[in-house]
Amino acid sequence: MKRILMSAACAASLMGGVALAEDESPWSVSGTVGVTSNYMFRGISQSDGEPALQAGVTVAHESGFYAGFWGSNIDFNDGFFSGKEAAELELDLFVGYGFELDENTKLDLNFTYYAYPGSYDAYDYDFWEIIVGLSHDFGVASVGIKGAYTPDTFGADEEAFWLGGNLTVPVTDWLSISGNVGEQWLEFGDDYTHYDIGLTATYEGVTFDARYVATDLDYIDEEFVFSVGFGF
């Protein structure tokens, strides 16, 4: 499932563009490559507490349309318990449209398909979400809210809904502090709250992030996660 720090919906806005042709091309291509000490998605590890290598590419049009993919190695320990094929890769395919409501307010509509190639079919891991995000930059801080819905969630033919908010406060030109909080509602399991807070520093196109991540689930441990990423 998707990571907190680099969701498919926010990847298009985080990645710097590289023109496909000369300066007048309406299209751009951007990407990221990074590593994290623990791939977290909505407060829960997707890599069994181990490091993950992650990369993605987005193609965007000046109108606001974008599409792309993002991938990460994962480890659910599913092969150990079942003896079946284990999931080792998450591949997210996404398409969306982002536009400005005014100078500082943006709305983003996104469809993301989460695929786990090579996993045992009966696990029913693959699923999709419709994601809507709204953000506003106040200058001294930016805030955002995002909601996601799926009728066929990860591992079960059941509905799920997620709602999250974030706050980012710039400290200097290269350093910011940010926090996220979200609520996951699951038709088939325990609803839960997740949250994180951390520092993000950028130097020469390289982003460093250190973050505390936790949930209100008794059986999920809190984590300190460190990530390094490069945008192109």
Protein backbone atom coordinates (compact mmCIF):
# COMPACT_ATOMS: atom_id res chain seq x y z
CA MET A 1 0.00 0.00 0.00
CA LYS A 2 1.05 3.56 -0.37
CA ARG A 3 3.60 5.40 1.62
CA ILE A 4 2.91 8.47 3.75
CA LEU A 5 5.78 10.51 2.41
CA MET A 6 5.42 9.84 -1.27
CA SER A 7 1.87 9.03 -2.25
CA ALA A 8 1.10 8.84 -5.95
CA ALA A 9 -1.15 11.85 -5.72
CA CYS A 10 1.52 14.14 -4.23
CA ALA A 11 4.38 12.80 -6.36
CA ALA A 12 3.34 14.93 -9.33
CA SER A 13 3.62 18.11 -7.27
CA LEU A 14 6.86 17.14 -5.49
CA MET A 15 8.89 16.17 -8.52
CA GLY A 16 10.63 18.79 -10.66
CA GLY A 17 9.87 18.63 -14.37
CA VAL A 18 12.21 18.06 -17.30
CA ALA A 19 10.91 19.24 -20.66
CA LEU A 20 10.29 16.59 -23.30
CA ALA A 21 11.23 18.94 -26.11
CA GLU A 22 12.39 22.54 -26.29
CA ASP A 23 11.08 25.25 -23.94
CA GLU A 24 7.66 25.46 -25.61
CA SER A 25 6.61 21.84 -25.04
CA PRO A 26 3.41 21.57 -22.95
CA TRP A 27 4.60 18.21 -21.60
CA SER A 28 7.16 17.44 -18.92
CA VAL A 29 8.68 14.31 -17.40
CA SER A 30 9.86 14.06 -13.82
CA GLY A 31 10.95 11.34 -11.49
CA THR A 32 12.29 10.36 -8.10
CA VAL A 33 14.68 7.73 -6.79
CA GLY A 34 15.08 7.17 -3.07
CA VAL A 35 15.64 4.82 -0.19
CA THR A 36 13.85 4.65 3.15
CA SER A 37 14.75 2.80 6.32
CA ASN A 38 11.19 1.44 6.54
CA TYR A 39 8.44 1.78 3.92
CA MET A 40 5.40 3.04 5.82
CA PHE A 41 1.88 3.43 4.44
CA ARG A 42 -0.73 5.03 6.66
CA GLY A 43 1.28 4.17 9.75
CA ILE A 44 1.96 0.50 8.95
CA SER A 45 5.19 -0.99 7.60
CA GLN A 46 5.04 -2.50 4.13
CA SER A 47 8.63 -3.78 4.23
CA ASP A 48 8.62 -5.68 7.55
CA GLY A 49 10.69 -2.94 9.19
CA GLU A 50 13.46 -3.24 6.60
CA PRO A 51 14.84 -0.67 4.11
CA ALA A 52 13.13 -0.15 0.77
CA LEU A 53 14.30 1.19 -2.57
CA GLN A 54 11.68 3.33 -4.28
CA ALA A 55 11.39 5.08 -7.64
CA GLY A 56 8.75 6.70 -9.81
CA VAL A 57 8.15 8.62 -13.04
CA THR A 58 5.40 11.13 -13.84
CA VAL A 59 4.41 12.59 -17.22
CA ALA A 60 2.51 15.87 -16.85
CA HIS A 61 0.76 18.32 -19.16
CA GLU A 62 0.59 22.06 -18.50
CA SER A 63 -3.21 21.75 -18.36
CA GLY A 64 -2.91 19.84 -15.08
CA PHE A 65 -3.26 16.28 -16.39
CA TYR A 66 -0.64 13.77 -15.23
CA ALA A 67 0.03 10.03 -15.24
CA GLY A 68 2.80 7.78 -14.07
CA PHE A 69 3.99 4.92 -11.92
CA TRP A 70 5.78 4.37 -8.62
CA GLY A 71 7.36 1.24 -7.20
CA SER A 72 8.91 -0.14 -4.03
CA ASN A 73 10.15 -3.44 -2.69
CA ILE A 74 7.87 -4.84 0.03
CA ASP A 75 7.75 -7.72 2.52
CA PHE A 76 4.49 -8.87 4.10
CA ASN A 77 5.94 -12.16 5.40
CA ASP A 78 3.13 -13.84 3.46
CA GLY A 79 5.33 -16.51 1.87
CA PHE A 80 6.72 -17.61 5.23
CA PHE A 81 3.30 -18.29 6.73
CA SER A 82 1.54 -19.78 3.71
CA GLY A 83 4.28 -21.42 1.69
CA LYS A 84 2.83 -19.66 -1.38
CA GLU A 85 4.42 -17.05 -3.60
CA ALA A 86 5.43 -14.00 -1.57
CA ALA A 87 4.79 -10.41 -2.63
CA GLU A 88 8.10 -8.63 -3.21
CA LEU A 89 7.09 -5.60 -5.27
CA GLU A 90 4.43 -2.92 -5.14
CA LEU A 91 3.75 -1.08 -8.41
CA ASP A 92 1.35 1.86 -8.34
CA LEU A 93 -0.13 3.16 -11.58
CA PHE A 94 -1.85 6.53 -11.37
CA VAL A 95 -3.60 9.14 -13.47
CA GLY A 96 -4.93 12.47 -12.25
CA TYR A 97 -5.75 16.08 -12.80
CA GLY A 98 -4.64 18.99 -10.64
CA PHE A 99 -5.67 22.60 -10.96
CA GLU A 100 -5.67 25.90 -9.06
CA LEU A 101 -8.86 27.22 -7.48
CA ASP A 102 -7.00 30.46 -6.79
CA GLU A 103 -3.38 31.59 -6.52
CA ASN A 104 -2.69 29.60 -3.35
CA THR A 105 -5.34 26.86 -3.39
CA LYS A 106 -5.07 23.63 -5.39
CA LEU A 107 -7.42 20.72 -6.00
CA ASP A 108 -6.24 17.30 -7.16
CA LEU A 109 -8.32 14.37 -8.45
CA ASN A 110 -6.50 11.05 -8.74
CA PHE A 111 -7.07 7.39 -9.61
CA THR A 112 -4.42 4.97 -8.35
CA TYR A 113 -4.16 1.23 -8.99
CA TYR A 114 -1.99 -0.68 -6.50
CA ALA A 115 -0.52 -3.85 -8.04
CA TYR A 116 1.55 -6.59 -6.38
CA PRO A 117 2.97 -8.62 -9.28
CA GLY A 118 4.04 -12.16 -8.46
CA SER A 119 1.92 -12.49 -5.32
CA TYR A 120 -0.39 -15.46 -4.76
CA ASP A 121 -3.71 -14.71 -6.50
CA ALA A 122 -5.87 -15.89 -3.61
CA TYR A 123 -4.46 -13.13 -1.39
CA ASP A 124 -6.34 -10.59 -3.56
CA TYR A 125 -3.78 -7.84 -2.87
CA ASP A 126 -4.41 -5.68 -5.95
CA PHE A 127 -6.86 -2.82 -5.45
CA TRP A 128 -7.60 0.73 -6.57
CA GLU A 129 -8.54 4.03 -4.95
CA ILE A 130 -10.15 7.29 -5.97
CA ILE A 131 -8.28 10.09 -4.20
CA VAL A 132 -9.26 13.76 -3.82
CA GLY A 133 -6.91 16.33 -2.31
CA LEU A 134 -7.23 20.02 -1.44
CA SER A 135 -4.31 22.22 -0.33
CA HIS A 136 -3.76 25.86 0.55
CA ASP A 137 -0.54 27.80 1.06
CA PHE A 138 -0.80 30.53 3.71
CA GLY A 139 2.82 31.57 3.28
CA VAL A 140 3.88 30.90 6.86
CA ALA A 141 2.46 27.37 6.53
CA SER A 142 0.63 25.15 4.06
CA VAL A 143 -2.22 22.80 4.91
CA GLY A 144 -3.90 20.01 3.03
CA ILE A 145 -6.69 17.49 3.32
CA LYS A 146 -7.08 14.30 1.31
CA GLY A 147 -9.67 11.54 1.08
CA ALA A 148 -9.49 8.10 -0.55
CA TYR A 149 -12.19 5.51 -1.28
CA THR A 150 -12.09 1.96 -2.60
CA PRO A 151 -14.86 -0.62 -2.99
CA ASP A 152 -12.30 -3.47 -3.09
CA THR A 153 -9.57 -2.87 -0.55
CA PHE A 154 -6.23 -4.63 -0.05
CA GLY A 155 -6.71 -8.34 0.61
CA ALA A 156 -10.53 -8.25 0.78
CA ASP A 157 -13.57 -7.50 -1.40
CA GLU A 158 -14.73 -4.83 1.02
CA GLU A 159 -15.08 -1.05 1.09
CA ALA A 160 -12.52 1.17 2.79
CA PHE A 161 -12.27 4.92 3.29
CA TRP A 162 -9.35 7.06 4.40
CA LEU A 163 -9.22 10.73 5.40
CA GLY A 164 -5.99 12.58 6.17
CA GLY A 165 -4.67 16.05 6.84
CA ASN A 166 -1.21 17.58 6.81
CA LEU A 167 0.57 20.73 7.92
CA THR A 168 3.95 21.95 6.65
CA VAL A 169 5.83 24.88 8.19
CA PRO A 170 8.97 26.18 6.44
CA VAL A 171 11.80 26.95 8.84
CA THR A 172 14.34 28.14 6.25
CA ASP A 173 14.63 27.91 2.47
CA TRP A 174 15.99 24.38 2.81
CA LEU A 175 14.34 23.05 6.01
CA SER A 176 10.71 22.44 6.99
CA ILE A 177 8.78 20.69 9.72
CA SER A 178 5.64 18.77 8.85
CA GLY A 179 3.02 16.51 10.34
CA ASN A 180 0.30 14.20 9.07
CA VAL A 181 -2.73 12.64 10.72
CA GLY A 182 -5.19 10.23 9.16
CA GLU A 183 -8.08 7.92 9.93
CA GLN A 184 -8.55 4.60 8.14
CA TRP A 185 -12.02 3.04 8.12
CA LEU A 186 -12.15 -0.64 7.17
CA GLU A 187 -15.35 -2.59 6.63
CA PHE A 188 -13.64 -5.87 7.44
CA GLY A 189 -11.20 -4.91 10.23
CA ASP A 190 -10.13 -2.46 12.91
CA ASP A 191 -10.50 1.24 12.14
CA TYR A 192 -7.44 3.14 13.28
CA THR A 193 -5.73 6.53 13.48
CA HIS A 194 -2.17 7.13 12.31
CA TYR A 195 0.06 10.16 12.67
CA ASP A 196 3.62 11.33 12.06
CA ILE A 197 5.86 14.37 12.53
CA GLY A 198 9.26 15.06 11.05
CA LEU A 199 11.90 17.32 9.53
CA THR A 200 12.67 17.59 5.81
CA ALA A 201 15.87 19.15 4.44
CA THR A 202 16.77 19.72 0.79
CA TYR A 203 20.30 20.26 -0.54
CA GLU A 204 21.44 20.29 -4.18
CA GLY A 205 18.33 18.42 -5.31
CA VAL A 206 18.61 15.75 -2.61
CA THR A 207 15.89 15.51 0.06
CA PHE A 208 16.52 14.13 3.55
CA ASP A 209 13.62 13.26 5.85
CA ALA A 210 13.56 12.08 9.48
CA ARG A 211 10.14 11.16 10.87
CA TYR A 212 8.37 9.65 13.87
CA VAL A 213 5.42 7.46 12.79
CA ALA A 214 2.76 5.87 15.02
CA THR A 215 -0.82 4.56 15.18
CA ASP A 216 -3.37 3.89 17.93
CA LEU A 217 -3.26 0.14 17.20
CA ASP A 218 -1.81 -1.81 20.15
CA TYR A 219 -0.14 -4.37 17.89
CA ILE A 220 1.66 -1.84 15.65
CA ASP A 221 4.93 -0.41 16.98
CA GLU A 222 5.89 3.22 16.66
CA GLU A 223 8.77 3.84 14.26
CA PHE A 224 11.49 6.35 13.46
CA VAL A 225 11.91 6.47 9.69
CA PHE A 226 14.78 8.02 7.74
CA SER A 227 14.57 8.64 3.99
CA VAL A 228 16.78 10.08 1.25
CA GLY A 229 15.47 10.94 -2.20
CA PHE A 230 16.63 12.56 -5.44
CA GLY A 231 14.33 14.28 -7.92
CA PHE A 232 15.03 14.69 -11.63
